[in-house]
Amino acid sequence: MIDCLRQLTTLSWQQVMQSGGKGPNKAGLGFTYYPDNALRRVSRPGWLSEEVKIAAVRASQRMRIFGVYIEHTFYVLWFDREHSIVPV
């Protein structure tokens, strides 16, 4: 997780958003926006503005870091250690 956070501080946001991929050859941070319906289990209505899109980065094969990206800053909301919030 710490290595992921270090990468977030050293890469440009264009590099972060372009890193990674899906499928059997996953690599990089894999920055991904998630639709609201994918997060219904963990979110409460009204706790975050509907204008804000929740995203995640891949911290490891299983761990994800969820947050919001606003004006070139990624604000961490929670850590998903087991990739259980939005399963593979």
C-alpha atoms as a PDB file:
ATOM      1  CA  MET A   1       0.000   0.000   0.000  1.00  0.00           C
ATOM      2  CA  ILE A   2       2.815   2.408   0.900  1.00  0.00           C
ATOM      3  CA  ASP A   3       4.506   1.799  -2.470  1.00  0.00           C
ATOM      4  CA  CYS A   4       1.238   2.663  -4.220  1.00  0.00           C
ATOM      5  CA  LEU A   5       0.906   5.911  -2.295  1.00  0.00           C
ATOM      6  CA  ARG A   6       4.532   6.768  -3.124  1.00  0.00           C
ATOM      7  CA  GLN A   7       3.833   6.206  -6.816  1.00  0.00           C
ATOM      8  CA  LEU A   8       0.817   8.503  -6.602  1.00  0.00           C
ATOM      9  CA  THR A   9       3.094  11.272  -5.315  1.00  0.00           C
ATOM     10  CA  THR A  10       5.829  10.815  -7.935  1.00  0.00           C
ATOM     11  CA  LEU A  11       3.882  10.217 -11.169  1.00  0.00           C
ATOM     12  CA  SER A  12       1.958  12.868 -13.070  1.00  0.00           C
ATOM     13  CA  TRP A  13      -1.820  12.311 -13.127  1.00  0.00           C
ATOM     14  CA  GLN A  14      -1.639  11.609 -16.832  1.00  0.00           C
ATOM     15  CA  GLN A  15       0.846   8.800 -16.069  1.00  0.00           C
ATOM     16  CA  VAL A  16      -1.336   7.474 -13.243  1.00  0.00           C
ATOM     17  CA  MET A  17      -4.449   7.379 -15.419  1.00  0.00           C
ATOM     18  CA  GLN A  18      -2.574   5.673 -18.270  1.00  0.00           C
ATOM     19  CA  SER A  19      -0.850   3.069 -16.118  1.00  0.00           C
ATOM     20  CA  GLY A  20      -2.075  -0.437 -15.760  1.00  0.00           C
ATOM     21  CA  GLY A  21      -4.461  -2.623 -17.582  1.00  0.00           C
ATOM     22  CA  LYS A  22      -6.997  -5.343 -17.076  1.00  0.00           C
ATOM     23  CA  GLY A  23      -6.953  -9.041 -17.749  1.00  0.00           C
ATOM     24  CA  PRO A  24      -4.295 -11.641 -16.996  1.00  0.00           C
ATOM     25  CA  ASN A  25      -1.398  -9.195 -17.461  1.00  0.00           C
ATOM     26  CA  LYS A  26      -2.456  -6.594 -14.899  1.00  0.00           C
ATOM     27  CA  ALA A  27       0.269  -4.091 -14.107  1.00  0.00           C
ATOM     28  CA  GLY A  28       0.583  -0.567 -12.797  1.00  0.00           C
ATOM     29  CA  LEU A  29      -1.918   1.390 -10.763  1.00  0.00           C
ATOM     30  CA  GLY A  30      -4.955   0.614 -12.895  1.00  0.00           C
ATOM     31  CA  PHE A  31      -6.778   3.867 -12.070  1.00  0.00           C
ATOM     32  CA  THR A  32     -10.487   3.075 -12.520  1.00  0.00           C
ATOM     33  CA  TYR A  33     -13.653   5.118 -12.027  1.00  0.00           C
ATOM     34  CA  TYR A  34     -16.565   3.179 -10.531  1.00  0.00           C
ATOM     35  CA  PRO A  35     -20.240   3.832 -11.227  1.00  0.00           C
ATOM     36  CA  ASP A  36     -22.409   4.594  -8.217  1.00  0.00           C
ATOM     37  CA  ASN A  37     -24.321   1.322  -8.504  1.00  0.00           C
ATOM     38  CA  ALA A  38     -21.074  -0.654  -8.076  1.00  0.00           C
ATOM     39  CA  LEU A  39     -20.608   0.950  -4.664  1.00  0.00           C
ATOM     40  CA  ARG A  40     -24.146   0.829  -3.241  1.00  0.00           C
ATOM     41  CA  ARG A  41     -23.200  -1.774  -0.625  1.00  0.00           C
ATOM     42  CA  VAL A  42     -20.697   0.560   1.024  1.00  0.00           C
ATOM     43  CA  SER A  43     -22.066   4.017   0.409  1.00  0.00           C
ATOM     44  CA  ARG A  44     -24.839   5.907   2.141  1.00  0.00           C
ATOM     45  CA  PRO A  45     -27.071   8.316   0.208  1.00  0.00           C
ATOM     46  CA  GLY A  46     -25.931  11.894   0.573  1.00  0.00           C
ATOM     47  CA  TRP A  47     -22.538  11.194   2.155  1.00  0.00           C
ATOM     48  CA  LEU A  48     -20.737  12.427  -0.978  1.00  0.00           C
ATOM     49  CA  SER A  49     -21.872  14.817  -3.673  1.00  0.00           C
ATOM     50  CA  GLU A  50     -23.301  13.101  -6.745  1.00  0.00           C
ATOM     51  CA  GLU A  51     -20.981  15.253  -8.857  1.00  0.00           C
ATOM     52  CA  VAL A  52     -17.925  13.512  -7.414  1.00  0.00           C
ATOM     53  CA  LYS A  53     -16.847  10.264  -9.071  1.00  0.00           C
ATOM     54  CA  ILE A  54     -15.287   7.581  -6.898  1.00  0.00           C
ATOM     55  CA  ALA A  55     -12.195   5.882  -8.280  1.00  0.00           C
ATOM     56  CA  ALA A  56      -9.691   3.273  -7.165  1.00  0.00           C
ATOM     57  CA  VAL A  57      -6.051   2.463  -7.763  1.00  0.00           C
ATOM     58  CA  ARG A  58      -4.479  -0.964  -7.535  1.00  0.00           C
ATOM     59  CA  ALA A  59      -2.157  -1.126  -4.521  1.00  0.00           C
ATOM     60  CA  SER A  60      -1.481  -4.855  -4.968  1.00  0.00           C
ATOM     61  CA  GLN A  61      -3.046  -7.882  -6.631  1.00  0.00           C
ATOM     62  CA  ARG A  62      -5.874  -7.790  -4.057  1.00  0.00           C
ATOM     63  CA  MET A  63      -5.742  -4.397  -2.345  1.00  0.00           C
ATOM     64  CA  ARG A  64      -7.404  -1.267  -3.754  1.00  0.00           C
ATOM     65  CA  ILE A  65      -7.326   2.301  -2.524  1.00  0.00           C
ATOM     66  CA  PHE A  66     -10.601   4.160  -3.147  1.00  0.00           C
ATOM     67  CA  GLY A  67     -10.871   7.911  -3.312  1.00  0.00           C
ATOM     68  CA  VAL A  68     -11.919  10.891  -5.369  1.00  0.00           C
ATOM     69  CA  TYR A  69      -9.800  12.794  -7.861  1.00  0.00           C
ATOM     70  CA  ILE A  70     -10.451  16.545  -7.688  1.00  0.00           C
ATOM     71  CA  GLU A  71      -8.280  19.219  -9.295  1.00  0.00           C
ATOM     72  CA  HIS A  72      -5.120  17.093  -9.581  1.00  0.00           C
ATOM     73  CA  THR A  73      -5.435  15.647  -6.066  1.00  0.00           C
ATOM     74  CA  PHE A  74      -6.501  12.126  -5.092  1.00  0.00           C
ATOM     75  CA  TYR A  75      -8.330  12.156  -1.753  1.00  0.00           C
ATOM     76  CA  VAL A  76      -8.285   8.729  -0.097  1.00  0.00           C
ATOM     77  CA  LEU A  77     -11.697   7.603   1.182  1.00  0.00           C
ATOM     78  CA  TRP A  78     -11.005   4.024   2.243  1.00  0.00           C
ATOM     79  CA  PHE A  79      -8.712   1.018   1.794  1.00  0.00           C
ATOM     80  CA  ASP A  80     -10.100  -2.239   0.449  1.00  0.00           C
ATOM     81  CA  ARG A  81      -7.578  -4.829   1.640  1.00  0.00           C
ATOM     82  CA  GLU A  82      -9.349  -7.874   0.218  1.00  0.00           C
ATOM     83  CA  HIS A  83     -10.781  -6.395  -3.015  1.00  0.00           C
ATOM     84  CA  SER A  84     -14.243  -7.077  -1.581  1.00  0.00           C
ATOM     85  CA  ILE A  85     -15.957  -3.715  -2.148  1.00  0.00           C
ATOM     86  CA  VAL A  86     -15.997  -4.183  -5.902  1.00  0.00           C
ATOM     87  CA  PRO A  87     -14.970  -7.823  -6.489  1.00  0.00           C
ATOM     88  CA  VAL A  88     -12.949  -8.851  -9.510  1.00  0.00           C
END
